[in-house]
Amino acid sequence: MKIEPFGKTAAGEPVDAFILTNRHHNLRAKLTNWGACLVEMHTPDRGGALADITLGFDALDGYLVPHPHFGVTTGRFANRIALGKFTVDGVTHQLATNNGVNHLHGGPTGLHARVWKAEPLAHGNGVRFSYVSADGEEGYPGKLTVAVTYTLTDDDELRLDYEATTDKPTVLNLTNHAYWNLAGACEGDVLGHEITLHASRYIPVDVSGIPTGGIAAVAGGPMDFKKSKTLARDFAQMTGTPGGYDHCYVIDRVKNSDAGALTLAAEAHEPRSGRVMKISTTEPGIQLYTGNFLDGTVIGKGGKACKKNYGFCLETQHYPDSPNRLNFPSTVLRPGQTFRSTTVHHFSAR
């Protein structure tokens, strides 16, 4: 592991970068304790040439201003909460409404916009980031002690292990918000990527991204990625403003299996480079987002403009607006409980 300065916050607080390299294919991950963020992920193509395949910025300054959540840990509640309100044990809590009338990704200064404590692992090639979110921060009840550990393995995996505890009943939904482009960061659009989602159902949403109530079958339509297809194939059918995919899929699990077991959720293949990414998770859902709101105004690494559909996200998580949906798996965390979640990205080429 290599540790180097990454910049300073507006208050002058130093932020570091942590560079991990594995022994197999020299995969390299660059992390920072600002937002417990994945800054770079270098993987080989079929010829062995490495490229950085995740969107982000060269320096801390890009992350200090509002940006599309490139690579950060989002929470306390990833995705949306309708009207920024939820009720736990009869008490209603009001959060920031930073996505129209709704709450998104923990609010404007959620976990993604905080300096986390960083501890390199004593055993293993990784870093444990931890943060204590005060009772009432961004409107959430309870003092939340949260950690995410990144480990880069010699099996060409990037593993993320989350854990959290609270001193009051609260809600929690954590994810990493990496934008991927397996051809290389901002190297054109991602619509030629071939995607498989091991999900027979998804969460229908309204125009603001809030669930309409039920869970629907993908049923062979444009939402169906059970068999590999390019993002482009049915993209024109994803109408609206700005158009594209931004939906949570319900991951298929073996009948009677442990609901928290690590399960293969998604596979992505970029035909030109041959790069492949497989994602397994203990979470019940995975959000496919095709970078619909990128418009070229954000300048990323190497001075490249991040244009519409230049990256896609596969965010492992609970379903949006779960605190207000009794038919969804619960996201309530109580004192004495420990939240745990794992997501593994496996990289290869063919």
Foldseek 3Di string as FASTA:
>chain_A
DDKDWQDAAPVGHTKIKDWFFADALRWIWIFIQQQRFTAWTWDAFPVSDIFTWWWFASGCVLQQDDDPQAGGKFDQAAAKAAQQWFDDPRDIWHFDAPQVSIDHRQHPCGSNRDGWDWDQDPDAGKIKTWDWDDACRRGWGWTKIKIWMWGQYNLQKTKIKIKMATAAKTFGKIWTWIWGAPVHQLPDFQQQKKKAFQFQWWFDDPLSRHGPADIGGPPPALSHRNDIDGQNPCQVVQDDVVGGFWIKGFHDDDPPDDLQDWAWGMKIARVVRQKIKTKTKSAGIWTKAQQQPQCQPRQTYPRRTRHGRSTIGTIGIFHHNQSVHPVGPGRIHGHPDMDIMMMMMHMDGD
